[in-house]
């Protein structure tokens, strides 16, 4: 088992940075600084500080739902990723907490 930090970022799905979707840019930066893996998952529904419910509809063209990025790494490495986002003037909500990672293997 490995001790580390779990980071969850909430990124607007249509937000772009340097010509790329922001969530794609974040995943590339995470890989470049040595984070061993990350995932991007699109929310089905959400609400936030504005109190409005956002839901996916079949004919919805403009994406208002967040992409949720998840990482597990050392606190130092994840702070480096957050600093990269801050340097790009990005305002994003995140959750960060201590976690334990392991793997179950067949005998």
PDB file of N, CA and C in Angstrom:
ATOM      1  N   UNK A   1       0.826  -1.185   0.000  1.00  0.00           N
ATOM      2  CA  UNK A   1       0.000   0.000   0.000  1.00  0.00           C
ATOM      3  C   UNK A   1       0.872   1.251   0.000  1.00  0.00           C
ATOM      4  N   UNK A   2       0.390   2.273  -0.658  1.00  0.00           N
ATOM      5  CA  UNK A   2       1.121   3.515  -0.791  1.00  0.00           C
ATOM      6  C   UNK A   2       0.290   4.663  -0.232  1.00  0.00           C
ATOM      7  N   UNK A   3       0.932   5.506   0.549  1.00  0.00           N
ATOM      8  CA  UNK A   3       0.273   6.707   1.059  1.00  0.00           C
ATOM      9  C   UNK A   3       0.515   7.852   0.085  1.00  0.00           C
ATOM     10  N   UNK A   4      -0.484   8.680  -0.106  1.00  0.00           N
ATOM     11  CA  UNK A   4      -0.344   9.814  -1.010  1.00  0.00           C
ATOM     12  C   UNK A   4      -1.513  10.761  -0.863  1.00  0.00           C
ATOM     13  N   UNK A   5      -1.703  11.562  -1.861  1.00  0.00           N
ATOM     14  CA  UNK A   5      -2.778  12.558  -1.881  1.00  0.00           C
ATOM     15  C   UNK A   5      -3.662  12.278  -3.086  1.00  0.00           C
ATOM     16  N   UNK A   6      -4.964  12.359  -2.864  1.00  0.00           N
ATOM     17  CA  UNK A   6      -5.946  12.236  -3.931  1.00  0.00           C
ATOM     18  C   UNK A   6      -6.410  13.644  -4.262  1.00  0.00           C
ATOM     19  N   UNK A   7      -6.313  14.010  -5.532  1.00  0.00           N
ATOM     20  CA  UNK A   7      -6.733  15.336  -5.993  1.00  0.00           C
ATOM     21  C   UNK A   7      -7.861  15.181  -6.984  1.00  0.00           C
ATOM     22  N   UNK A   8      -8.920  15.942  -6.764  1.00  0.00           N
ATOM     23  CA  UNK A   8     -10.066  15.956  -7.662  1.00  0.00           C
ATOM     24  C   UNK A   8     -10.281  17.395  -8.095  1.00  0.00           C
ATOM     25  N   UNK A   9     -10.206  17.642  -9.399  1.00  0.00           N
ATOM     26  CA  UNK A   9     -10.406  18.975  -9.987  1.00  0.00           C
ATOM     27  C   UNK A   9     -11.706  18.988 -10.777  1.00  0.00           C
ATOM     28  N   UNK A  10     -12.418  20.100 -10.706  1.00  0.00           N
ATOM     29  CA  UNK A  10     -13.652  20.266 -11.466  1.00  0.00           C
ATOM     30  C   UNK A  10     -13.405  21.325 -12.535  1.00  0.00           C
ATOM     31  N   UNK A  11     -13.462  20.911 -13.806  1.00  0.00           N
ATOM     32  CA  UNK A  11     -13.087  21.758 -14.923  1.00  0.00           C
ATOM     33  C   UNK A  11     -14.292  21.910 -15.862  1.00  0.00           C
ATOM     34  N   UNK A  12     -14.681  23.126 -16.217  1.00  0.00           N
ATOM     35  CA  UNK A  12     -15.756  23.287 -17.203  1.00  0.00           C
ATOM     36  C   UNK A  12     -15.376  22.602 -18.512  1.00  0.00           C
ATOM     37  N   UNK A  13     -16.281  21.819 -19.069  1.00  0.00           N
ATOM     38  CA  UNK A  13     -15.916  20.968 -20.208  1.00  0.00           C
ATOM     39  C   UNK A  13     -15.535  21.729 -21.465  1.00  0.00           C
ATOM     40  N   UNK A  14     -16.023  22.917 -21.683  1.00  0.00           N
ATOM     41  CA  UNK A  14     -15.705  23.658 -22.903  1.00  0.00           C
ATOM     42  C   UNK A  14     -14.567  24.664 -22.725  1.00  0.00           C
ATOM     43  N   UNK A  15     -14.037  24.791 -21.512  1.00  0.00           N
ATOM     44  CA  UNK A  15     -12.975  25.760 -21.252  1.00  0.00           C
ATOM     45  C   UNK A  15     -11.694  25.346 -21.974  1.00  0.00           C
ATOM     46  N   UNK A  16     -11.065  26.313 -22.625  1.00  0.00           N
ATOM     47  CA  UNK A  16      -9.848  26.048 -23.404  1.00  0.00           C
ATOM     48  C   UNK A  16      -8.661  26.832 -22.847  1.00  0.00           C
ATOM     49  N   UNK A  17      -7.473  26.270 -23.065  1.00  0.00           N
ATOM     50  CA  UNK A  17      -6.225  26.922 -22.682  1.00  0.00           C
ATOM     51  C   UNK A  17      -5.193  26.575 -23.746  1.00  0.00           C
ATOM     52  N   UNK A  18      -4.586  27.585 -24.335  1.00  0.00           N
ATOM     53  CA  UNK A  18      -3.578  27.394 -25.387  1.00  0.00           C
ATOM     54  C   UNK A  18      -4.094  26.521 -26.531  1.00  0.00           C
ATOM     55  N   UNK A  19      -5.359  26.696 -26.880  1.00  0.00           N
ATOM     56  CA  UNK A  19      -5.938  25.973 -28.002  1.00  0.00           C
ATOM     57  C   UNK A  19      -6.435  24.570 -27.705  1.00  0.00           C
ATOM     58  N   UNK A  20      -6.207  24.090 -26.497  1.00  0.00           N
ATOM     59  CA  UNK A  20      -6.660  22.752 -26.103  1.00  0.00           C
ATOM     60  C   UNK A  20      -7.779  22.864 -25.083  1.00  0.00           C
ATOM     61  N   UNK A  21      -8.619  21.840 -25.020  1.00  0.00           N
ATOM     62  CA  UNK A  21      -9.565  21.788 -23.913  1.00  0.00           C
ATOM     63  C   UNK A  21      -8.757  21.733 -22.620  1.00  0.00           C
ATOM     64  N   UNK A  22      -9.204  22.470 -21.614  1.00  0.00           N
ATOM     65  CA  UNK A  22      -8.422  22.587 -20.386  1.00  0.00           C
ATOM     66  C   UNK A  22      -8.156  21.232 -19.744  1.00  0.00           C
ATOM     67  N   UNK A  23      -9.156  20.351 -19.729  1.00  0.00           N
ATOM     68  CA  UNK A  23      -8.918  19.052 -19.081  1.00  0.00           C
ATOM     69  C   UNK A  23      -7.830  18.262 -19.816  1.00  0.00           C
ATOM     70  N   UNK A  24      -7.752  18.390 -21.149  1.00  0.00           N
ATOM     71  CA  UNK A  24      -6.682  17.716 -21.891  1.00  0.00           C
ATOM     72  C   UNK A  24      -5.328  18.326 -21.543  1.00  0.00           C
ATOM     73  N   UNK A  25      -5.291  19.659 -21.453  1.00  0.00           N
ATOM     74  CA  UNK A  25      -4.055  20.362 -21.098  1.00  0.00           C
ATOM     75  C   UNK A  25      -3.575  19.923 -19.716  1.00  0.00           C
ATOM     76  N   UNK A  26      -4.496  19.816 -18.754  1.00  0.00           N
ATOM     77  CA  UNK A  26      -4.129  19.412 -17.395  1.00  0.00           C
ATOM     78  C   UNK A  26      -3.570  17.987 -17.399  1.00  0.00           C
ATOM     79  N   UNK A  27      -4.211  17.083 -18.117  1.00  0.00           N
ATOM     80  CA  UNK A  27      -3.703  15.705 -18.175  1.00  0.00           C
ATOM     81  C   UNK A  27      -2.291  15.653 -18.760  1.00  0.00           C
ATOM     82  N   UNK A  28      -2.044  16.434 -19.803  1.00  0.00           N
ATOM     83  CA  UNK A  28      -0.701  16.467 -20.411  1.00  0.00           C
ATOM     84  C   UNK A  28       0.331  17.030 -19.437  1.00  0.00           C
ATOM     85  N   UNK A  29      -0.036  18.094 -18.713  1.00  0.00           N
ATOM     86  CA  UNK A  29       0.882  18.687 -17.739  1.00  0.00           C
ATOM     87  C   UNK A  29       1.161  17.708 -16.601  1.00  0.00           C
ATOM     88  N   UNK A  30       0.127  17.001 -16.148  1.00  0.00           N
ATOM     89  CA  UNK A  30       0.289  16.026 -15.064  1.00  0.00           C
ATOM     90  C   UNK A  30       1.272  14.930 -15.469  1.00  0.00           C
ATOM     91  N   UNK A  31       1.150  14.448 -16.682  1.00  0.00           N
ATOM     92  CA  UNK A  31       2.072  13.424 -17.170  1.00  0.00           C
ATOM     93  C   UNK A  31       3.495  13.977 -17.262  1.00  0.00           C
ATOM     94  N   UNK A  32       3.618  15.206 -17.742  1.00  0.00           N
ATOM     95  CA  UNK A  32       4.940  15.820 -17.918  1.00  0.00           C
ATOM     96  C   UNK A  32       5.673  16.023 -16.598  1.00  0.00           C
ATOM     97  N   UNK A  33       4.949  16.272 -15.515  1.00  0.00           N
ATOM     98  CA  UNK A  33       5.626  16.492 -14.228  1.00  0.00           C
ATOM     99  C   UNK A  33       5.779  15.212 -13.413  1.00  0.00           C
ATOM    100  N   UNK A  34       5.352  14.086 -13.988  1.00  0.00           N
ATOM    101  CA  UNK A  34       5.620  12.800 -13.345  1.00  0.00           C
ATOM    102  C   UNK A  34       4.489  12.202 -12.536  1.00  0.00           C
ATOM    103  N   UNK A  35       3.295  12.722 -12.654  1.00  0.00           N
ATOM    104  CA  UNK A  35       2.164  12.080 -11.980  1.00  0.00           C
ATOM    105  C   UNK A  35       1.901  10.770 -12.729  1.00  0.00           C
ATOM    106  N   UNK A  36       1.825   9.643 -12.001  1.00  0.00           N
ATOM    107  CA  UNK A  36       1.785   8.342 -12.668  1.00  0.00           C
ATOM    108  C   UNK A  36       0.502   8.022 -13.430  1.00  0.00           C
ATOM    109  N   UNK A  37      -0.563   8.754 -13.215  1.00  0.00           N
ATOM    110  CA  UNK A  37      -1.800   8.487 -13.937  1.00  0.00           C
ATOM    111  C   UNK A  37      -2.863   9.493 -13.549  1.00  0.00           C
ATOM    112  N   UNK A  38      -3.852   9.615 -14.391  1.00  0.00           N
ATOM    113  CA  UNK A  38      -4.955  10.514 -14.114  1.00  0.00           C
ATOM    114  C   UNK A  38      -6.147  10.123 -14.957  1.00  0.00           C
ATOM    115  N   UNK A  39      -7.315  10.537 -14.529  1.00  0.00           N
ATOM    116  CA  UNK A  39      -8.547  10.223 -15.246  1.00  0.00           C
ATOM    117  C   UNK A  39      -9.379  11.474 -15.410  1.00  0.00           C
ATOM    118  N   UNK A  40     -10.123  11.523 -16.518  1.00  0.00           N
ATOM    119  CA  UNK A  40     -11.086  12.587 -16.771  1.00  0.00           C
ATOM    120  C   UNK A  40     -12.439  11.922 -16.977  1.00  0.00           C
ATOM    121  N   UNK A  41     -13.432  12.365 -16.210  1.00  0.00           N
ATOM    122  CA  UNK A  41     -14.765  11.794 -16.275  1.00  0.00           C
ATOM    123  C   UNK A  41     -15.765  12.930 -16.423  1.00  0.00           C
ATOM    124  N   UNK A  42     -16.707  12.794 -17.337  1.00  0.00           N
ATOM    125  CA  UNK A  42     -17.729  13.820 -17.540  1.00  0.00           C
ATOM    126  C   UNK A  42     -18.891  13.568 -16.591  1.00  0.00           C
ATOM    127  N   UNK A  43     -19.312  14.606 -15.889  1.00  0.00           N
ATOM    128  CA  UNK A  43     -20.439  14.492 -14.964  1.00  0.00           C
ATOM    129  C   UNK A  43     -21.745  14.316 -15.742  1.00  0.00           C
ATOM    130  N   UNK A  44     -22.704  13.629 -15.144  1.00  0.00           N
ATOM    131  CA  UNK A  44     -24.037  13.485 -15.737  1.00  0.00           C
ATOM    132  C   UNK A  44     -24.940  14.650 -15.366  1.00  0.00           C
ATOM    133  N   UNK A  45     -24.745  15.156 -14.168  1.00  0.00           N
ATOM    134  CA  UNK A  45     -25.519  16.298 -13.684  1.00  0.00           C
ATOM    135  C   UNK A  45     -24.703  16.965 -12.592  1.00  0.00           C
ATOM    136  N   UNK A  46     -24.966  18.251 -12.370  1.00  0.00           N
ATOM    137  CA  UNK A  46     -24.221  18.960 -11.325  1.00  0.00           C
ATOM    138  C   UNK A  46     -24.958  20.224 -10.921  1.00  0.00           C
ATOM    139  N   UNK A  47     -24.567  20.740  -9.757  1.00  0.00           N
ATOM    140  CA  UNK A  47     -24.936  22.084  -9.367  1.00  0.00           C
ATOM    141  C   UNK A  47     -23.774  22.638  -8.578  1.00  0.00           C
ATOM    142  N   UNK A  48     -23.662  23.941  -8.549  1.00  0.00           N
ATOM    143  CA  UNK A  48     -22.535  24.563  -7.872  1.00  0.00           C
ATOM    144  C   UNK A  48     -22.975  25.782  -7.115  1.00  0.00           C
ATOM    145  N   UNK A  49     -22.048  26.723  -6.964  1.00  0.00           N
ATOM    146  CA  UNK A  49     -22.313  27.931  -6.185  1.00  0.00           C
ATOM    147  C   UNK A  49     -23.488  28.732  -6.716  1.00  0.00           C
ATOM    148  N   UNK A  50     -23.736  28.648  -8.030  1.00  0.00           N
ATOM    149  CA  UNK A  50     -24.845  29.418  -8.597  1.00  0.00           C
ATOM    150  C   UNK A  50     -26.202  28.809  -8.256  1.00  0.00           C
ATOM    151  N   UNK A  51     -26.214  27.582  -7.731  1.00  0.00           N
ATOM    152  CA  UNK A  51     -27.456  26.932  -7.317  1.00  0.00           C
ATOM    153  C   UNK A  51     -28.282  26.387  -8.470  1.00  0.00           C
ATOM    154  N   UNK A  52     -27.785  26.492  -9.688  1.00  0.00           N
ATOM    155  CA  UNK A  52     -28.519  25.984 -10.852  1.00  0.00           C
ATOM    156  C   UNK A  52     -28.150  24.528 -11.113  1.00  0.00           C
ATOM    157  N   UNK A  53     -29.164  23.740 -11.425  1.00  0.00           N
ATOM    158  CA  UNK A  53     -28.934  22.349 -11.774  1.00  0.00           C
ATOM    159  C   UNK A  53     -28.615  22.262 -13.258  1.00  0.00           C
ATOM    160  N   UNK A  54     -27.518  21.596 -13.587  1.00  0.00           N
ATOM    161  CA  UNK A  54     -27.121  21.361 -14.971  1.00  0.00           C
ATOM    162  C   UNK A  54     -27.233  19.865 -15.217  1.00  0.00           C
ATOM    163  N   UNK A  55     -27.919  19.506 -16.292  1.00  0.00           N
ATOM    164  CA  UNK A  55     -28.076  18.095 -16.632  1.00  0.00           C
ATOM    165  C   UNK A  55     -27.771  17.882 -18.097  1.00  0.00           C
ATOM    166  N   UNK A  56     -27.338  16.681 -18.404  1.00  0.00           N
ATOM    167  CA  UNK A  56     -27.075  16.324 -19.793  1.00  0.00           C
ATOM    168  C   UNK A  56     -28.395  15.959 -20.463  1.00  0.00           C
ATOM    169  N   UNK A  57     -28.626  16.541 -21.620  1.00  0.00           N
ATOM    170  CA  UNK A  57     -29.794  16.208 -22.428  1.00  0.00           C
ATOM    171  C   UNK A  57     -29.304  15.745 -23.786  1.00  0.00           C
ATOM    172  N   UNK A  58     -30.083  14.925 -24.429  1.00  0.00           N
ATOM    173  CA  UNK A  58     -29.669  14.329 -25.699  1.00  0.00           C
ATOM    174  C   UNK A  58     -29.296  15.377 -26.740  1.00  0.00           C
ATOM    175  N   UNK A  59     -30.074  16.459 -26.835  1.00  0.00           N
ATOM    176  CA  UNK A  59     -29.845  17.457 -27.872  1.00  0.00           C
ATOM    177  C   UNK A  59     -29.021  18.648 -27.393  1.00  0.00           C
ATOM    178  N   UNK A  60     -28.471  18.550 -26.207  1.00  0.00           N
ATOM    179  CA  UNK A  60     -27.678  19.660 -25.671  1.00  0.00           C
ATOM    180  C   UNK A  60     -26.393  19.806 -26.479  1.00  0.00           C
ATOM    181  N   UNK A  61     -26.163  21.000 -27.000  1.00  0.00           N
ATOM    182  CA  UNK A  61     -24.959  21.231 -27.795  1.00  0.00           C
ATOM    183  C   UNK A  61     -23.856  21.884 -26.978  1.00  0.00           C
ATOM    184  N   UNK A  62     -24.194  22.908 -26.223  1.00  0.00           N
ATOM    185  CA  UNK A  62     -23.194  23.615 -25.435  1.00  0.00           C
ATOM    186  C   UNK A  62     -23.007  22.896 -24.105  1.00  0.00           C
ATOM    187  N   UNK A  63     -21.809  22.410 -23.837  1.00  0.00           N
ATOM    188  CA  UNK A  63     -21.556  21.655 -22.618  1.00  0.00           C
ATOM    189  C   UNK A  63     -21.376  22.549 -21.407  1.00  0.00           C
ATOM    190  N   UNK A  64     -22.231  22.375 -20.439  1.00  0.00           N
ATOM    191  CA  UNK A  64     -22.141  23.134 -19.190  1.00  0.00           C
ATOM    192  C   UNK A  64     -21.754  22.249 -18.013  1.00  0.00           C
ATOM    193  N   UNK A  65     -21.554  20.981 -18.253  1.00  0.00           N
ATOM    194  CA  UNK A  65     -21.237  20.065 -17.163  1.00  0.00           C
ATOM    195  C   UNK A  65     -19.732  20.008 -16.935  1.00  0.00           C
ATOM    196  N   UNK A  66     -19.336  19.740 -15.704  1.00  0.00           N
ATOM    197  CA  UNK A  66     -17.896  19.685 -15.438  1.00  0.00           C
ATOM    198  C   UNK A  66     -17.266  18.370 -15.880  1.00  0.00           C
ATOM    199  N   UNK A  67     -16.001  18.478 -16.195  1.00  0.00           N
ATOM    200  CA  UNK A  67     -15.144  17.306 -16.347  1.00  0.00           C
ATOM    201  C   UNK A  67     -14.436  17.169 -14.999  1.00  0.00           C
ATOM    202  N   UNK A  68     -14.461  15.971 -14.443  1.00  0.00           N
ATOM    203  CA  UNK A  68     -13.825  15.727 -13.147  1.00  0.00           C
ATOM    204  C   UNK A  68     -12.500  15.025 -13.416  1.00  0.00           C
ATOM    205  N   UNK A  69     -11.423  15.664 -13.006  1.00  0.00           N
ATOM    206  CA  UNK A  69     -10.080  15.101 -13.151  1.00  0.00           C
ATOM    207  C   UNK A  69      -9.652  14.523 -11.810  1.00  0.00           C
ATOM    208  N   UNK A  70      -9.091  13.323 -11.830  1.00  0.00           N
ATOM    209  CA  UNK A  70      -8.666  12.655 -10.602  1.00  0.00           C
ATOM    210  C   UNK A  70      -7.221  12.205 -10.721  1.00  0.00           C
ATOM    211  N   UNK A  71      -6.469  12.455  -9.647  1.00  0.00           N
ATOM    212  CA  UNK A  71      -5.057  12.076  -9.606  1.00  0.00           C
ATOM    213  C   UNK A  71      -4.716  11.532  -8.221  1.00  0.00           C
ATOM    214  N   UNK A  72      -3.721  10.662  -8.156  1.00  0.00           N
ATOM    215  CA  UNK A  72      -3.153  10.188  -6.898  1.00  0.00           C
ATOM    216  C   UNK A  72      -1.645  10.292  -7.031  1.00  0.00           C
ATOM    217  N   UNK A  73      -1.029  11.076  -6.157  1.00  0.00           N
ATOM    218  CA  UNK A  73       0.421  11.281  -6.218  1.00  0.00           C
ATOM    219  C   UNK A  73       0.879  11.892  -4.897  1.00  0.00           C
ATOM    220  N   UNK A  74       2.136  12.299  -4.849  1.00  0.00           N
ATOM    221  CA  UNK A  74       2.660  12.967  -3.653  1.00  0.00           C
ATOM    222  C   UNK A  74       2.090  14.385  -3.574  1.00  0.00           C
ATOM    223  N   UNK A  75       2.059  14.917  -2.374  1.00  0.00           N
ATOM    224  CA  UNK A  75       1.554  16.274  -2.171  1.00  0.00           C
ATOM    225  C   UNK A  75       2.388  17.284  -2.954  1.00  0.00           C
ATOM    226  N   UNK A  76       3.708  17.086  -2.975  1.00  0.00           N
ATOM    227  CA  UNK A  76       4.600  18.004  -3.683  1.00  0.00           C
ATOM    228  C   UNK A  76       4.282  18.039  -5.186  1.00  0.00           C
ATOM    229  N   UNK A  77       4.084  16.873  -5.768  1.00  0.00           N
ATOM    230  CA  UNK A  77       3.803  16.802  -7.201  1.00  0.00           C
ATOM    231  C   UNK A  77       2.451  17.426  -7.530  1.00  0.00           C
ATOM    232  N   UNK A  78       1.457  17.139  -6.710  1.00  0.00           N
ATOM    233  CA  UNK A  78       0.134  17.714  -6.964  1.00  0.00           C
ATOM    234  C   UNK A  78       0.130  19.218  -6.741  1.00  0.00           C
ATOM    235  N   UNK A  79       0.893  19.694  -5.774  1.00  0.00           N
ATOM    236  CA  UNK A  79       1.019  21.147  -5.581  1.00  0.00           C
ATOM    237  C   UNK A  79       1.679  21.798  -6.793  1.00  0.00           C
ATOM    238  N   UNK A  80       2.593  21.082  -7.418  1.00  0.00           N
ATOM    239  CA  UNK A  80       3.234  21.581  -8.638  1.00  0.00           C
ATOM    240  C   UNK A  80       2.192  21.730  -9.754  1.00  0.00           C
ATOM    241  N   UNK A  81       1.296  20.761  -9.874  1.00  0.00           N
ATOM    242  CA  UNK A  81       0.241  20.838 -10.877  1.00  0.00           C
ATOM    243  C   UNK A  81      -0.696  22.016 -10.594  1.00  0.00           C
ATOM    244  N   UNK A  82      -1.070  22.186  -9.334  1.00  0.00           N
ATOM    245  CA  UNK A  82      -1.938  23.311  -8.965  1.00  0.00           C
ATOM    246  C   UNK A  82      -1.245  24.650  -9.231  1.00  0.00           C
ATOM    247  N   UNK A  83       0.059  24.705  -9.006  1.00  0.00           N
ATOM    248  CA  UNK A  83       0.817  25.935  -9.269  1.00  0.00           C
ATOM    249  C   UNK A  83       0.834  26.252 -10.772  1.00  0.00           C
ATOM    250  N   UNK A  84       0.924  25.216 -11.609  1.00  0.00           N
ATOM    251  CA  UNK A  84       0.870  25.433 -13.062  1.00  0.00           C
ATOM    252  C   UNK A  84      -0.473  26.046 -13.464  1.00  0.00           C
ATOM    253  N   UNK A  85      -1.542  25.553 -12.871  1.00  0.00           N
ATOM    254  CA  UNK A  85      -2.867  26.103 -13.164  1.00  0.00           C
ATOM    255  C   UNK A  85      -2.983  27.537 -12.667  1.00  0.00           C
ATOM    256  N   UNK A  86      -2.457  27.809 -11.493  1.00  0.00           N
ATOM    257  CA  UNK A  86      -2.497  29.174 -10.950  1.00  0.00           C
ATOM    258  C   UNK A  86      -1.683  30.118 -11.837  1.00  0.00           C
ATOM    259  N   UNK A  87      -0.547  29.656 -12.341  1.00  0.00           N
ATOM    260  CA  UNK A  87       0.294  30.487 -13.209  1.00  0.00           C
ATOM    261  C   UNK A  87      -0.410  30.812 -14.525  1.00  0.00           C
ATOM    262  N   UNK A  88      -1.359  29.977 -14.919  1.00  0.00           N
ATOM    263  CA  UNK A  88      -2.137  30.213 -16.138  1.00  0.00           C
ATOM    264  C   UNK A  88      -3.424  30.993 -15.843  1.00  0.00           C
ATOM    265  N   UNK A  89      -3.532  31.519 -14.624  1.00  0.00           N
ATOM    266  CA  UNK A  89      -4.700  32.306 -14.195  1.00  0.00           C
ATOM    267  C   UNK A  89      -6.010  31.535 -14.293  1.00  0.00           C
ATOM    268  N   UNK A  90      -5.975  30.254 -13.957  1.00  0.00           N
ATOM    269  CA  UNK A  90      -7.182  29.441 -13.966  1.00  0.00           C
ATOM    270  C   UNK A  90      -7.811  29.435 -12.578  1.00  0.00           C
ATOM    271  N   UNK A  91      -9.116  29.594 -12.524  1.00  0.00           N
ATOM    272  CA  UNK A  91      -9.867  29.571 -11.283  1.00  0.00           C
ATOM    273  C   UNK A  91     -10.714  28.302 -11.271  1.00  0.00           C
ATOM    274  N   UNK A  92     -10.268  27.302 -10.530  1.00  0.00           N
ATOM    275  CA  UNK A  92     -10.937  26.004 -10.513  1.00  0.00           C
ATOM    276  C   UNK A  92     -11.148  25.546  -9.080  1.00  0.00           C
ATOM    277  N   UNK A  93     -12.222  24.812  -8.859  1.00  0.00           N
ATOM    278  CA  UNK A  93     -12.479  24.210  -7.551  1.00  0.00           C
ATOM    279  C   UNK A  93     -11.798  22.851  -7.507  1.00  0.00           C
ATOM    280  N   UNK A  94     -11.191  22.523  -6.358  1.00  0.00           N
ATOM    281  CA  UNK A  94     -10.563  21.212  -6.209  1.00  0.00           C
ATOM    282  C   UNK A  94     -10.771  20.692  -4.808  1.00  0.00           C
ATOM    283  N   UNK A  95     -10.605  19.388  -4.674  1.00  0.00           N
ATOM    284  CA  UNK A  95     -10.644  18.703  -3.380  1.00  0.00           C
ATOM    285  C   UNK A  95      -9.351  17.895  -3.298  1.00  0.00           C
ATOM    286  N   UNK A  96      -8.696  17.963  -2.155  1.00  0.00           N
ATOM    287  CA  UNK A  96      -7.425  17.266  -1.962  1.00  0.00           C
ATOM    288  C   UNK A  96      -7.450  16.635  -0.579  1.00  0.00           C
ATOM    289  N   UNK A  97      -7.156  15.338  -0.501  1.00  0.00           N
ATOM    290  CA  UNK A  97      -7.120  14.694   0.812  1.00  0.00           C
ATOM    291  C   UNK A  97      -6.146  13.527   0.826  1.00  0.00           C
ATOM    292  N   UNK A  98      -5.736  13.149   2.031  1.00  0.00           N
ATOM    293  CA  UNK A  98      -4.837  12.011   2.207  1.00  0.00           C
ATOM    294  C   UNK A  98      -5.548  10.741   1.782  1.00  0.00           C
ATOM    295  N   UNK A  99      -4.806   9.857   1.144  1.00  0.00           N
ATOM    296  CA  UNK A  99      -5.397   8.609   0.671  1.00  0.00           C
ATOM    297  C   UNK A  99      -4.356   7.497   0.687  1.00  0.00           C
ATOM    298  N   UNK A 100      -4.844   6.315   0.558  1.00  0.00           N
ATOM    299  CA  UNK A 100      -3.996   5.133   0.495  1.00  0.00           C
ATOM    300  C   UNK A 100      -4.337   4.381  -0.779  1.00  0.00           C
ATOM    301  N   UNK A 101      -3.346   3.981  -1.521  1.00  0.00           N
ATOM    302  CA  UNK A 101      -3.559   3.231  -2.760  1.00  0.00           C
ATOM    303  C   UNK A 101      -2.925   1.856  -2.639  1.00  0.00           C
ATOM    304  N   UNK A 102      -3.561   0.906  -3.235  1.00  0.00           N
ATOM    305  CA  UNK A 102      -3.048  -0.452  -3.239  1.00  0.00           C
ATOM    306  C   UNK A 102      -3.585  -1.204  -4.437  1.00  0.00           C
ATOM    307  N   UNK A 103      -3.194  -2.438  -4.532  1.00  0.00           N
ATOM    308  CA  UNK A 103      -3.651  -3.260  -5.642  1.00  0.00           C
ATOM    309  C   UNK A 103      -3.987  -4.650  -5.113  1.00  0.00           C
ATOM    310  N   UNK A 104      -5.114  -5.151  -5.520  1.00  0.00           N
ATOM    311  CA  UNK A 104      -5.501  -6.516  -5.172  1.00  0.00           C
ATOM    312  C   UNK A 104      -5.065  -7.413  -6.319  1.00  0.00           C
ATOM    313  N   UNK A 105      -4.299  -8.421  -6.000  1.00  0.00           N
ATOM    314  CA  UNK A 105      -3.786  -9.316  -7.029  1.00  0.00           C
ATOM    315  C   UNK A 105      -4.312 -10.741  -6.767  1.00  0.00           C
ATOM    316  N   UNK A 106      -4.596 -11.463  -7.837  1.00  0.00           N
ATOM    317  CA  UNK A 106      -5.023 -12.856  -7.660  1.00  0.00           C
ATOM    318  C   UNK A 106      -3.868 -13.688  -7.112  1.00  0.00           C
ATOM    319  N   UNK A 107      -4.204 -14.714  -6.368  1.00  0.00           N
ATOM    320  CA  UNK A 107      -3.185 -15.579  -5.769  1.00  0.00           C
ATOM    321  C   UNK A 107      -2.660 -16.567  -6.758  1.00  0.00           C
TER     322      UNK A 107
END
